[in-house]
Amino acid sequence: LLCISLILDPTGGKIVFDNQTIFQKNGWAGVDVRRIRREKIGFIFQ
């Protein structure tokens, strides 16, 4: 969940969110993850 929410860096693989590649192989794909998290993702904590 933390990787999906762009809070935690994955080690490998690919994340595509809203038709935009966010993470690929071993790094963020040149996107503003804080803006995406702030504007497009809602997180409900335990």
ModelCIF file with pLDDT and N, C-alpha, C, O atoms, coordinates in Angstrom:
data_MODEL
#
_entry.id   MODEL 
#
_entity.id                         1 
_entity.type                       polymer 
_entity.pdbx_number_of_molecules   1 
#
_entity_poly.entity_id                      1 
_entity_poly.type                           'polypeptide(L)' 
_entity_poly.nstd_linkage                   no 
_entity_poly.nstd_monomer                   no 
_entity_poly.pdbx_seq_one_letter_code       LLCISLILDPTGGKIVFDNQTIFQKNGWAGVDVRRIRREKIGFIFQ 
_entity_poly.pdbx_seq_one_letter_code_can   LLCISLILDPTGGKIVFDNQTIFQKNGWAGVDVRRIRREKIGFIFQ 
_entity_poly.pdbx_strand_id                 A 
#
loop_
_entity_poly_seq.entity_id 
_entity_poly_seq.num 
_entity_poly_seq.mon_id 
_entity_poly_seq.hetero 
1 1  LEU n 
1 2  LEU n 
1 3  CYS n 
1 4  ILE n 
1 5  SER n 
1 6  LEU n 
1 7  ILE n 
1 8  LEU n 
1 9  ASP n 
1 10 PRO n 
1 11 THR n 
1 12 GLY n 
1 13 GLY n 
1 14 LYS n 
1 15 ILE n 
1 16 VAL n 
1 17 PHE n 
1 18 ASP n 
1 19 ASN n 
1 20 GLN n 
1 21 THR n 
1 22 ILE n 
1 23 PHE n 
1 24 GLN n 
1 25 LYS n 
1 26 ASN n 
1 27 GLY n 
1 28 TRP n 
1 29 ALA n 
1 30 GLY n 
1 31 VAL n 
1 32 ASP n 
1 33 VAL n 
1 34 ARG n 
1 35 ARG n 
1 36 ILE n 
1 37 ARG n 
1 38 ARG n 
1 39 GLU n 
1 40 LYS n 
1 41 ILE n 
1 42 GLY n 
1 43 PHE n 
1 44 ILE n 
1 45 PHE n 
1 46 GLN n 
#
_struct_asym.id          A 
_struct_asym.entity_id   1 
#
loop_
_ma_qa_metric.id 
_ma_qa_metric.mode 
_ma_qa_metric.name 
_ma_qa_metric.software_group_id 
_ma_qa_metric.type 
1 global pLDDT . pLDDT 
2 local  pLDDT . pLDDT 
#
_ma_qa_metric_global.metric_id      1 
_ma_qa_metric_global.metric_value   88.54 
_ma_qa_metric_global.model_id       1 
_ma_qa_metric_global.ordinal_id     1 
#
loop_
_ma_qa_metric_local.label_asym_id 
_ma_qa_metric_local.label_comp_id 
_ma_qa_metric_local.label_seq_id 
_ma_qa_metric_local.metric_id 
_ma_qa_metric_local.metric_value 
_ma_qa_metric_local.model_id 
_ma_qa_metric_local.ordinal_id 
A LEU 1  2 91.00 1 1  
A LEU 2  2 91.00 1 2  
A CYS 3  2 93.00 1 3  
A ILE 4  2 92.00 1 4  
A SER 5  2 91.00 1 5  
A LEU 6  2 91.00 1 6  
A ILE 7  2 90.00 1 7  
A LEU 8  2 92.00 1 8  
A ASP 9  2 91.00 1 9  
A PRO 10 2 93.00 1 10 
A THR 11 2 93.00 1 11 
A GLY 12 2 93.00 1 12 
A GLY 13 2 94.00 1 13 
A LYS 14 2 95.00 1 14 
A ILE 15 2 95.00 1 15 
A VAL 16 2 94.00 1 16 
A PHE 17 2 93.00 1 17 
A ASP 18 2 90.00 1 18 
A ASN 19 2 90.00 1 19 
A GLN 20 2 91.00 1 20 
A THR 21 2 93.00 1 21 
A ILE 22 2 93.00 1 22 
A PHE 23 2 93.00 1 23 
A GLN 24 2 91.00 1 24 
A LYS 25 2 81.00 1 25 
A ASN 26 2 72.00 1 26 
A GLY 27 2 83.00 1 27 
A TRP 28 2 87.00 1 28 
A ALA 29 2 83.00 1 29 
A GLY 30 2 82.00 1 30 
A VAL 31 2 85.00 1 31 
A ASP 32 2 88.00 1 32 
A VAL 33 2 88.00 1 33 
A ARG 34 2 87.00 1 34 
A ARG 35 2 87.00 1 35 
A ILE 36 2 89.00 1 36 
A ARG 37 2 87.00 1 37 
A ARG 38 2 84.00 1 38 
A GLU 39 2 84.00 1 39 
A LYS 40 2 88.00 1 40 
A ILE 41 2 90.00 1 41 
A GLY 42 2 88.00 1 42 
A PHE 43 2 87.00 1 43 
A ILE 44 2 85.00 1 44 
A PHE 45 2 80.00 1 45 
A GLN 46 2 75.00 1 46 
#
loop_
_atom_site.group_PDB 
_atom_site.id 
_atom_site.type_symbol 
_atom_site.label_atom_id 
_atom_site.label_alt_id 
_atom_site.label_comp_id 
_atom_site.label_asym_id 
_atom_site.label_entity_id 
_atom_site.label_seq_id 
_atom_site.pdbx_PDB_ins_code 
_atom_site.Cartn_x 
_atom_site.Cartn_y 
_atom_site.Cartn_z 
_atom_site.occupancy 
_atom_site.B_iso_or_equiv 
_atom_site.pdbx_formal_charge 
_atom_site.auth_seq_id 
_atom_site.auth_comp_id 
_atom_site.auth_asym_id 
_atom_site.auth_atom_id 
_atom_site.pdbx_PDB_model_num 
ATOM 1   N N  . LEU A 1 1  ? 0.827  -1.204 0.000   1.00 91.00 ? 1  LEU A N  1 
ATOM 2   C CA . LEU A 1 1  ? 0.000  0.000  0.000   1.00 91.00 ? 1  LEU A CA 1 
ATOM 3   C C  . LEU A 1 1  ? 0.869  1.264  0.000   1.00 91.00 ? 1  LEU A C  1 
ATOM 4   O O  . LEU A 1 1  ? 0.540  2.240  -0.674  1.00 91.00 ? 1  LEU A O  1 
ATOM 5   N N  . LEU A 1 2  ? 1.953  1.250  0.738   1.00 91.00 ? 2  LEU A N  1 
ATOM 6   C CA . LEU A 1 2  ? 2.849  2.405  0.791   1.00 91.00 ? 2  LEU A CA 1 
ATOM 7   C C  . LEU A 1 2  ? 3.559  2.624  -0.539  1.00 91.00 ? 2  LEU A C  1 
ATOM 8   O O  . LEU A 1 2  ? 3.825  3.765  -0.916  1.00 91.00 ? 2  LEU A O  1 
ATOM 9   N N  . CYS A 1 3  ? 3.867  1.552  -1.250  1.00 93.00 ? 3  CYS A N  1 
ATOM 10  C CA . CYS A 1 3  ? 4.458  1.696  -2.595  1.00 93.00 ? 3  CYS A CA 1 
ATOM 11  C C  . CYS A 1 3  ? 3.431  2.247  -3.577  1.00 93.00 ? 3  CYS A C  1 
ATOM 12  O O  . CYS A 1 3  ? 3.745  3.123  -4.383  1.00 93.00 ? 3  CYS A O  1 
ATOM 13  N N  . ILE A 1 4  ? 2.199  1.734  -3.509  1.00 92.00 ? 4  ILE A N  1 
ATOM 14  C CA . ILE A 1 4  ? 1.141  2.221  -4.391  1.00 92.00 ? 4  ILE A CA 1 
ATOM 15  C C  . ILE A 1 4  ? 0.861  3.698  -4.137  1.00 92.00 ? 4  ILE A C  1 
ATOM 16  O O  . ILE A 1 4  ? 0.579  4.451  -5.070  1.00 92.00 ? 4  ILE A O  1 
ATOM 17  N N  . SER A 1 5  ? 0.938  4.110  -2.875  1.00 91.00 ? 5  SER A N  1 
ATOM 18  C CA . SER A 1 5  ? 0.648  5.497  -2.516  1.00 91.00 ? 5  SER A CA 1 
ATOM 19  C C  . SER A 1 5  ? 1.818  6.428  -2.809  1.00 91.00 ? 5  SER A C  1 
ATOM 20  O O  . SER A 1 5  ? 1.728  7.630  -2.561  1.00 91.00 ? 5  SER A O  1 
ATOM 21  N N  . LEU A 1 6  ? 2.912  5.888  -3.331  1.00 91.00 ? 6  LEU A N  1 
ATOM 22  C CA . LEU A 1 6  ? 4.102  6.655  -3.701  1.00 91.00 ? 6  LEU A CA 1 
ATOM 23  C C  . LEU A 1 6  ? 4.803  7.251  -2.478  1.00 91.00 ? 6  LEU A C  1 
ATOM 24  O O  . LEU A 1 6  ? 5.547  8.225  -2.591  1.00 91.00 ? 6  LEU A O  1 
ATOM 25  N N  . ILE A 1 7  ? 4.556  6.656  -1.313  1.00 90.00 ? 7  ILE A N  1 
ATOM 26  C CA . ILE A 1 7  ? 5.238  7.073  -0.090  1.00 90.00 ? 7  ILE A CA 1 
ATOM 27  C C  . ILE A 1 7  ? 6.562  6.328  0.056   1.00 90.00 ? 7  ILE A C  1 
ATOM 28  O O  . ILE A 1 7  ? 7.558  6.894  0.509   1.00 90.00 ? 7  ILE A O  1 
ATOM 29  N N  . LEU A 1 8  ? 6.562  5.058  -0.330  1.00 92.00 ? 8  LEU A N  1 
ATOM 30  C CA . LEU A 1 8  ? 7.744  4.195  -0.193  1.00 92.00 ? 8  LEU A CA 1 
ATOM 31  C C  . LEU A 1 8  ? 8.315  3.865  -1.567  1.00 92.00 ? 8  LEU A C  1 
ATOM 32  O O  . LEU A 1 8  ? 7.571  3.502  -2.478  1.00 92.00 ? 8  LEU A O  1 
ATOM 33  N N  . ASP A 1 9  ? 9.623  3.989  -1.718  1.00 91.00 ? 9  ASP A N  1 
ATOM 34  C CA . ASP A 1 9  ? 10.271 3.666  -2.992  1.00 91.00 ? 9  ASP A CA 1 
ATOM 35  C C  . ASP A 1 9  ? 10.312 2.157  -3.200  1.00 91.00 ? 9  ASP A C  1 
ATOM 36  O O  . ASP A 1 9  ? 10.850 1.447  -2.350  1.00 91.00 ? 9  ASP A O  1 
ATOM 37  N N  . PRO A 1 10 ? 9.759  1.639  -4.306  1.00 93.00 ? 10 PRO A N  1 
ATOM 38  C CA . PRO A 1 10 ? 9.950  0.221  -4.620  1.00 93.00 ? 10 PRO A CA 1 
ATOM 39  C C  . PRO A 1 10 ? 11.420 -0.053 -4.953  1.00 93.00 ? 10 PRO A C  1 
ATOM 40  O O  . PRO A 1 10 ? 12.204 0.874  -5.158  1.00 93.00 ? 10 PRO A O  1 
ATOM 41  N N  . THR A 1 11 ? 11.773 -1.311 -5.001  1.00 93.00 ? 11 THR A N  1 
ATOM 42  C CA . THR A 1 11 ? 13.131 -1.702 -5.414  1.00 93.00 ? 11 THR A CA 1 
ATOM 43  C C  . THR A 1 11 ? 13.181 -1.975 -6.906  1.00 93.00 ? 11 THR A C  1 
ATOM 44  O O  . THR A 1 11 ? 14.195 -1.716 -7.554  1.00 93.00 ? 11 THR A O  1 
ATOM 45  N N  . GLY A 1 12 ? 12.097 -2.495 -7.453  1.00 93.00 ? 12 GLY A N  1 
ATOM 46  C CA . GLY A 1 12 ? 12.046 -2.785 -8.877  1.00 93.00 ? 12 GLY A CA 1 
ATOM 47  C C  . GLY A 1 12 ? 10.614 -2.956 -9.345  1.00 93.00 ? 12 GLY A C  1 
ATOM 48  O O  . GLY A 1 12 ? 9.686  -2.984 -8.537  1.00 93.00 ? 12 GLY A O  1 
ATOM 49  N N  . GLY A 1 13 ? 10.439 -3.072 -10.659 1.00 94.00 ? 13 GLY A N  1 
ATOM 50  C CA . GLY A 1 13 ? 9.117  -3.235 -11.229 1.00 94.00 ? 13 GLY A CA 1 
ATOM 51  C C  . GLY A 1 13 ? 8.615  -1.963 -11.883 1.00 94.00 ? 13 GLY A C  1 
ATOM 52  O O  . GLY A 1 13 ? 9.397  -1.076 -12.224 1.00 94.00 ? 13 GLY A O  1 
ATOM 53  N N  . LYS A 1 14 ? 7.301  -1.879 -12.057 1.00 95.00 ? 14 LYS A N  1 
ATOM 54  C CA . LYS A 1 14 ? 6.702  -0.749 -12.767 1.00 95.00 ? 14 LYS A CA 1 
ATOM 55  C C  . LYS A 1 14 ? 5.370  -0.378 -12.138 1.00 95.00 ? 14 LYS A C  1 
ATOM 56  O O  . LYS A 1 14 ? 4.579  -1.250 -11.776 1.00 95.00 ? 14 LYS A O  1 
ATOM 57  N N  . ILE A 1 15 ? 5.125  0.928  -12.009 1.00 95.00 ? 15 ILE A N  1 
ATOM 58  C CA . ILE A 1 15 ? 3.836  1.443  -11.551 1.00 95.00 ? 15 ILE A CA 1 
ATOM 59  C C  . ILE A 1 15 ? 3.319  2.432  -12.587 1.00 95.00 ? 15 ILE A C  1 
ATOM 60  O O  . ILE A 1 15 ? 3.991  3.412  -12.906 1.00 95.00 ? 15 ILE A O  1 
ATOM 61  N N  . VAL A 1 16 ? 2.123  2.175  -13.112 1.00 94.00 ? 16 VAL A N  1 
ATOM 62  C CA . VAL A 1 16 ? 1.453  3.091  -14.029 1.00 94.00 ? 16 VAL A CA 1 
ATOM 63  C C  . VAL A 1 16 ? 0.184  3.551  -13.344 1.00 94.00 ? 16 VAL A C  1 
ATOM 64  O O  . VAL A 1 16 ? -0.662 2.737  -12.976 1.00 94.00 ? 16 VAL A O  1 
ATOM 65  N N  . PHE A 1 17 ? 0.050  4.876  -13.170 1.00 93.00 ? 17 PHE A N  1 
ATOM 66  C CA . PHE A 1 17 ? -1.112 5.440  -12.491 1.00 93.00 ? 17 PHE A CA 1 
ATOM 67  C C  . PHE A 1 17 ? -1.752 6.508  -13.362 1.00 93.00 ? 17 PHE A C  1 
ATOM 68  O O  . PHE A 1 17 ? -1.086 7.443  -13.807 1.00 93.00 ? 17 PHE A O  1 
ATOM 69  N N  . ASP A 1 18 ? -3.042 6.364  -13.601 1.00 90.00 ? 18 ASP A N  1 
ATOM 70  C CA . ASP A 1 18 ? -3.798 7.319  -14.411 1.00 90.00 ? 18 ASP A CA 1 
ATOM 71  C C  . ASP A 1 18 ? -3.121 7.529  -15.774 1.00 90.00 ? 18 ASP A C  1 
ATOM 72  O O  . ASP A 1 18 ? -2.953 8.659  -16.234 1.00 90.00 ? 18 ASP A O  1 
ATOM 73  N N  . ASN A 1 19 ? -2.741 6.418  -16.400 1.00 90.00 ? 19 ASN A N  1 
ATOM 74  C CA . ASN A 1 19 ? -2.118 6.396  -17.732 1.00 90.00 ? 19 ASN A CA 1 
ATOM 75  C C  . ASN A 1 19 ? -0.747 7.073  -17.782 1.00 90.00 ? 19 ASN A C  1 
ATOM 76  O O  . ASN A 1 19 ? -0.294 7.477  -18.853 1.00 90.00 ? 19 ASN A O  1 
ATOM 77  N N  . GLN A 1 20 ? -0.098 7.196  -16.650 1.00 91.00 ? 20 GLN A N  1 
ATOM 78  C CA . GLN A 1 20 ? 1.230  7.802  -16.591 1.00 91.00 ? 20 GLN A CA 1 
ATOM 79  C C  . GLN A 1 20 ? 2.180  6.862  -15.854 1.00 91.00 ? 20 GLN A C  1 
ATOM 80  O O  . GLN A 1 20 ? 1.876  6.403  -14.753 1.00 91.00 ? 20 GLN A O  1 
ATOM 81  N N  . THR A 1 21 ? 3.333  6.577  -16.463 1.00 93.00 ? 21 THR A N  1 
ATOM 82  C CA . THR A 1 21 ? 4.327  5.740  -15.800 1.00 93.00 ? 21 THR A CA 1 
ATOM 83  C C  . THR A 1 21 ? 4.951  6.541  -14.663 1.00 93.00 ? 21 THR A C  1 
ATOM 84  O O  . THR A 1 21 ? 5.540  7.601  -14.878 1.00 93.00 ? 21 THR A O  1 
ATOM 85  N N  . ILE A 1 22 ? 4.810  6.013  -13.452 1.00 93.00 ? 22 ILE A N  1 
ATOM 86  C CA . ILE A 1 22 ? 5.281  6.704  -12.254 1.00 93.00 ? 22 ILE A CA 1 
ATOM 87  C C  . ILE A 1 22 ? 6.631  6.159  -11.802 1.00 93.00 ? 22 ILE A C  1 
ATOM 88  O O  . ILE A 1 22 ? 7.532  6.913  -11.434 1.00 93.00 ? 22 ILE A O  1 
ATOM 89  N N  . PHE A 1 23 ? 6.752  4.832  -11.837 1.00 93.00 ? 23 PHE A N  1 
ATOM 90  C CA . PHE A 1 23 ? 7.988  4.172  -11.411 1.00 93.00 ? 23 PHE A CA 1 
ATOM 91  C C  . PHE A 1 23 ? 8.337  3.101  -12.430 1.00 93.00 ? 23 PHE A C  1 
ATOM 92  O O  . PHE A 1 23 ? 7.462  2.378  -12.906 1.00 93.00 ? 23 PHE A O  1 
ATOM 93  N N  . GLN A 1 24 ? 9.607  3.004  -12.761 1.00 91.00 ? 24 GLN A N  1 
ATOM 94  C CA . GLN A 1 24 ? 10.042 1.992  -13.726 1.00 91.00 ? 24 GLN A CA 1 
ATOM 95  C C  . GLN A 1 24 ? 11.434 1.508  -13.358 1.00 91.00 ? 24 GLN A C  1 
ATOM 96  O O  . GLN A 1 24 ? 12.356 2.297  -13.152 1.00 91.00 ? 24 GLN A O  1 
ATOM 97  N N  . LYS A 1 25 ? 11.561 0.192  -13.280 1.00 81.00 ? 25 LYS A N  1 
ATOM 98  C CA . LYS A 1 25 ? 12.820 -0.500 -12.970 1.00 81.00 ? 25 LYS A CA 1 
ATOM 99  C C  . LYS A 1 25 ? 13.351 -0.139 -11.594 1.00 81.00 ? 25 LYS A C  1 
ATOM 100 O O  . LYS A 1 25 ? 13.073 -0.856 -10.633 1.00 81.00 ? 25 LYS A O  1 
ATOM 101 N N  . ASN A 1 26 ? 14.096 0.933  -11.464 1.00 72.00 ? 26 ASN A N  1 
ATOM 102 C CA . ASN A 1 26 ? 14.672 1.247  -10.155 1.00 72.00 ? 26 ASN A CA 1 
ATOM 103 C C  . ASN A 1 26 ? 14.612 2.732  -9.809  1.00 72.00 ? 26 ASN A C  1 
ATOM 104 O O  . ASN A 1 26 ? 15.466 3.238  -9.082  1.00 72.00 ? 26 ASN A O  1 
ATOM 105 N N  . GLY A 1 27 ? 13.597 3.434  -10.335 1.00 83.00 ? 27 GLY A N  1 
ATOM 106 C CA . GLY A 1 27 ? 13.508 4.852  -9.998  1.00 83.00 ? 27 GLY A CA 1 
ATOM 107 C C  . GLY A 1 27 ? 12.211 5.487  -10.448 1.00 83.00 ? 27 GLY A C  1 
ATOM 108 O O  . GLY A 1 27 ? 11.510 4.955  -11.309 1.00 83.00 ? 27 GLY A O  1 
ATOM 109 N N  . TRP A 1 28 ? 11.895 6.637  -9.855  1.00 87.00 ? 28 TRP A N  1 
ATOM 110 C CA . TRP A 1 28 ? 10.717 7.403  -10.256 1.00 87.00 ? 28 TRP A CA 1 
ATOM 111 C C  . TRP A 1 28 ? 10.943 7.976  -11.651 1.00 87.00 ? 28 TRP A C  1 
ATOM 112 O O  . TRP A 1 28 ? 12.044 8.416  -11.980 1.00 87.00 ? 28 TRP A O  1 
ATOM 113 N N  . ALA A 1 29 ? 9.906  7.967  -12.456 1.00 83.00 ? 29 ALA A N  1 
ATOM 114 C CA . ALA A 1 29 ? 10.033 8.275  -13.884 1.00 83.00 ? 29 ALA A CA 1 
ATOM 115 C C  . ALA A 1 29 ? 9.917  9.771  -14.162 1.00 83.00 ? 29 ALA A C  1 
ATOM 116 O O  . ALA A 1 29 ? 9.115  10.185 -14.999 1.00 83.00 ? 29 ALA A O  1 
ATOM 117 N N  . GLY A 1 30 ? 10.705 10.577 -13.471 1.00 82.00 ? 30 GLY A N  1 
ATOM 118 C CA . GLY A 1 30 ? 10.737 12.014 -13.740 1.00 82.00 ? 30 GLY A CA 1 
ATOM 119 C C  . GLY A 1 30 ? 9.427  12.721 -13.504 1.00 82.00 ? 30 GLY A C  1 
ATOM 120 O O  . GLY A 1 30 ? 9.097  13.671 -14.214 1.00 82.00 ? 30 GLY A O  1 
ATOM 121 N N  . VAL A 1 31 ? 8.661  12.268 -12.502 1.00 85.00 ? 31 VAL A N  1 
ATOM 122 C CA . VAL A 1 31 ? 7.369  12.887 -12.200 1.00 85.00 ? 31 VAL A CA 1 
ATOM 123 C C  . VAL A 1 31 ? 7.411  13.464 -10.786 1.00 85.00 ? 31 VAL A C  1 
ATOM 124 O O  . VAL A 1 31 ? 8.235  13.066 -9.962  1.00 85.00 ? 31 VAL A O  1 
ATOM 125 N N  . ASP A 1 32 ? 6.518  14.396 -10.524 1.00 88.00 ? 32 ASP A N  1 
ATOM 126 C CA . ASP A 1 32 ? 6.411  14.995 -9.204  1.00 88.00 ? 32 ASP A CA 1 
ATOM 127 C C  . ASP A 1 32 ? 5.480  14.123 -8.361  1.00 88.00 ? 32 ASP A C  1 
ATOM 128 O O  . ASP A 1 32 ? 4.264  14.317 -8.355  1.00 88.00 ? 32 ASP A O  1 
ATOM 129 N N  . VAL A 1 33 ? 6.072  13.160 -7.650  1.00 88.00 ? 33 VAL A N  1 
ATOM 130 C CA . VAL A 1 33 ? 5.253  12.203 -6.905  1.00 88.00 ? 33 VAL A CA 1 
ATOM 131 C C  . VAL A 1 33 ? 4.480  12.875 -5.772  1.00 88.00 ? 33 VAL A C  1 
ATOM 132 O O  . VAL A 1 33 ? 3.382  12.436 -5.431  1.00 88.00 ? 33 VAL A O  1 
ATOM 133 N N  . ARG A 1 34 ? 5.038  13.927 -5.188  1.00 87.00 ? 34 ARG A N  1 
ATOM 134 C CA . ARG A 1 34 ? 4.326  14.627 -4.119  1.00 87.00 ? 34 ARG A CA 1 
ATOM 135 C C  . ARG A 1 34 ? 3.050  15.279 -4.651  1.00 87.00 ? 34 ARG A C  1 
ATOM 136 O O  . ARG A 1 34 ? 2.012  15.254 -3.990  1.00 87.00 ? 34 ARG A O  1 
ATOM 137 N N  . ARG A 1 35 ? 3.134  15.860 -5.845  1.00 87.00 ? 35 ARG A N  1 
ATOM 138 C CA . ARG A 1 35 ? 1.957  16.489 -6.437  1.00 87.00 ? 35 ARG A CA 1 
ATOM 139 C C  . ARG A 1 35 ? 0.892  15.448 -6.758  1.00 87.00 ? 35 ARG A C  1 
ATOM 140 O O  . ARG A 1 35 ? -0.292 15.660 -6.494  1.00 87.00 ? 35 ARG A O  1 
ATOM 141 N N  . ILE A 1 36 ? 1.318  14.323 -7.331  1.00 89.00 ? 36 ILE A N  1 
ATOM 142 C CA . ILE A 1 36 ? 0.369  13.255 -7.672  1.00 89.00 ? 36 ILE A CA 1 
ATOM 143 C C  . ILE A 1 36 ? -0.303 12.739 -6.406  1.00 89.00 ? 36 ILE A C  1 
ATOM 144 O O  . ILE A 1 36 ? -1.518 12.541 -6.369  1.00 89.00 ? 36 ILE A O  1 
ATOM 145 N N  . ARG A 1 37 ? 0.499  12.524 -5.376  1.00 87.00 ? 37 ARG A N  1 
ATOM 146 C CA . ARG A 1 37 ? -0.046 12.030 -4.109  1.00 87.00 ? 37 ARG A CA 1 
ATOM 147 C C  . ARG A 1 37 ? -1.011 13.046 -3.505  1.00 87.00 ? 37 ARG A C  1 
ATOM 148 O O  . ARG A 1 37 ? -2.057 12.673 -2.974  1.00 87.00 ? 37 ARG A O  1 
ATOM 149 N N  . ARG A 1 38 ? -0.666 14.313 -3.586  1.00 84.00 ? 38 ARG A N  1 
ATOM 150 C CA . ARG A 1 38 ? -1.474 15.381 -2.991  1.00 84.00 ? 38 ARG A CA 1 
ATOM 151 C C  . ARG A 1 38 ? -2.791 15.582 -3.744  1.00 84.00 ? 38 ARG A C  1 
ATOM 152 O O  . ARG A 1 38 ? -3.825 15.862 -3.137  1.00 84.00 ? 38 ARG A O  1 
ATOM 153 N N  . GLU A 1 39 ? -2.744 15.435 -5.080  1.00 84.00 ? 39 GLU A N  1 
ATOM 154 C CA . GLU A 1 39 ? -3.899 15.788 -5.916  1.00 84.00 ? 39 GLU A CA 1 
ATOM 155 C C  . GLU A 1 39 ? -4.753 14.602 -6.355  1.00 84.00 ? 39 GLU A C  1 
ATOM 156 O O  . GLU A 1 39 ? -5.911 14.790 -6.729  1.00 84.00 ? 39 GLU A O  1 
ATOM 157 N N  . LYS A 1 40 ? -4.208 13.385 -6.319  1.00 88.00 ? 40 LYS A N  1 
ATOM 158 C CA . LYS A 1 40 ? -4.946 12.268 -6.919  1.00 88.00 ? 40 LYS A CA 1 
ATOM 159 C C  . LYS A 1 40 ? -5.135 11.044 -6.034  1.00 88.00 ? 40 LYS A C  1 
ATOM 160 O O  . LYS A 1 40 ? -5.874 10.128 -6.396  1.00 88.00 ? 40 LYS A O  1 
ATOM 161 N N  . ILE A 1 41 ? -4.472 11.018 -4.871  1.00 90.00 ? 41 ILE A N  1 
ATOM 162 C CA . ILE A 1 41 ? -4.528 9.838  -4.011  1.00 90.00 ? 41 ILE A CA 1 
ATOM 163 C C  . ILE A 1 41 ? -5.007 10.230 -2.621  1.00 90.00 ? 41 ILE A C  1 
ATOM 164 O O  . ILE A 1 41 ? -4.543 11.216 -2.048  1.00 90.00 ? 41 ILE A O  1 
ATOM 165 N N  . GLY A 1 42 ? -5.942 9.448  -2.082  1.00 88.00 ? 42 GLY A N  1 
ATOM 166 C CA . GLY A 1 42 ? -6.397 9.642  -0.711  1.00 88.00 ? 42 GLY A CA 1 
ATOM 167 C C  . GLY A 1 42 ? -5.979 8.450  0.132   1.00 88.00 ? 42 GLY A C  1 
ATOM 168 O O  . GLY A 1 42 ? -6.095 7.307  -0.308  1.00 88.00 ? 42 GLY A O  1 
ATOM 169 N N  . PHE A 1 43 ? -5.491 8.709  1.350   1.00 87.00 ? 43 PHE A N  1 
ATOM 170 C CA . PHE A 1 43 ? -5.001 7.628  2.213   1.00 87.00 ? 43 PHE A CA 1 
ATOM 171 C C  . PHE A 1 43 ? -5.756 7.664  3.531   1.00 87.00 ? 43 PHE A C  1 
ATOM 172 O O  . PHE A 1 43 ? -5.839 8.701  4.189   1.00 87.00 ? 43 PHE A O  1 
ATOM 173 N N  . ILE A 1 44 ? -6.309 6.507  3.907   1.00 85.00 ? 44 ILE A N  1 
ATOM 174 C CA . ILE A 1 44 ? -7.016 6.369  5.178   1.00 85.00 ? 44 ILE A CA 1 
ATOM 175 C C  . ILE A 1 44 ? -6.177 5.475  6.084   1.00 85.00 ? 44 ILE A C  1 
ATOM 176 O O  . ILE A 1 44 ? -5.924 4.314  5.764   1.00 85.00 ? 44 ILE A O  1 
ATOM 177 N N  . PHE A 1 45 ? -5.754 6.022  7.206   1.00 80.00 ? 45 PHE A N  1 
ATOM 178 C CA . PHE A 1 45 ? -4.862 5.301  8.108   1.00 80.00 ? 45 PHE A CA 1 
ATOM 179 C C  . PHE A 1 45 ? -5.645 4.494  9.134   1.00 80.00 ? 45 PHE A C  1 
ATOM 180 O O  . PHE A 1 45 ? -6.804 4.785  9.429   1.00 80.00 ? 45 PHE A O  1 
ATOM 181 N N  . GLN A 1 46 ? -4.984 3.477  9.666   1.00 75.00 ? 46 GLN A N  1 
ATOM 182 C CA . GLN A 1 46 ? -5.602 2.625  10.678  1.00 75.00 ? 46 GLN A CA 1 
ATOM 183 C C  . GLN A 1 46 ? -5.973 3.425  11.931  1.00 75.00 ? 46 GLN A C  1 
ATOM 184 O O  . GLN A 1 46 ? -6.506 2.863  12.887  1.00 75.00 ? 46 GLN A O  1 
#
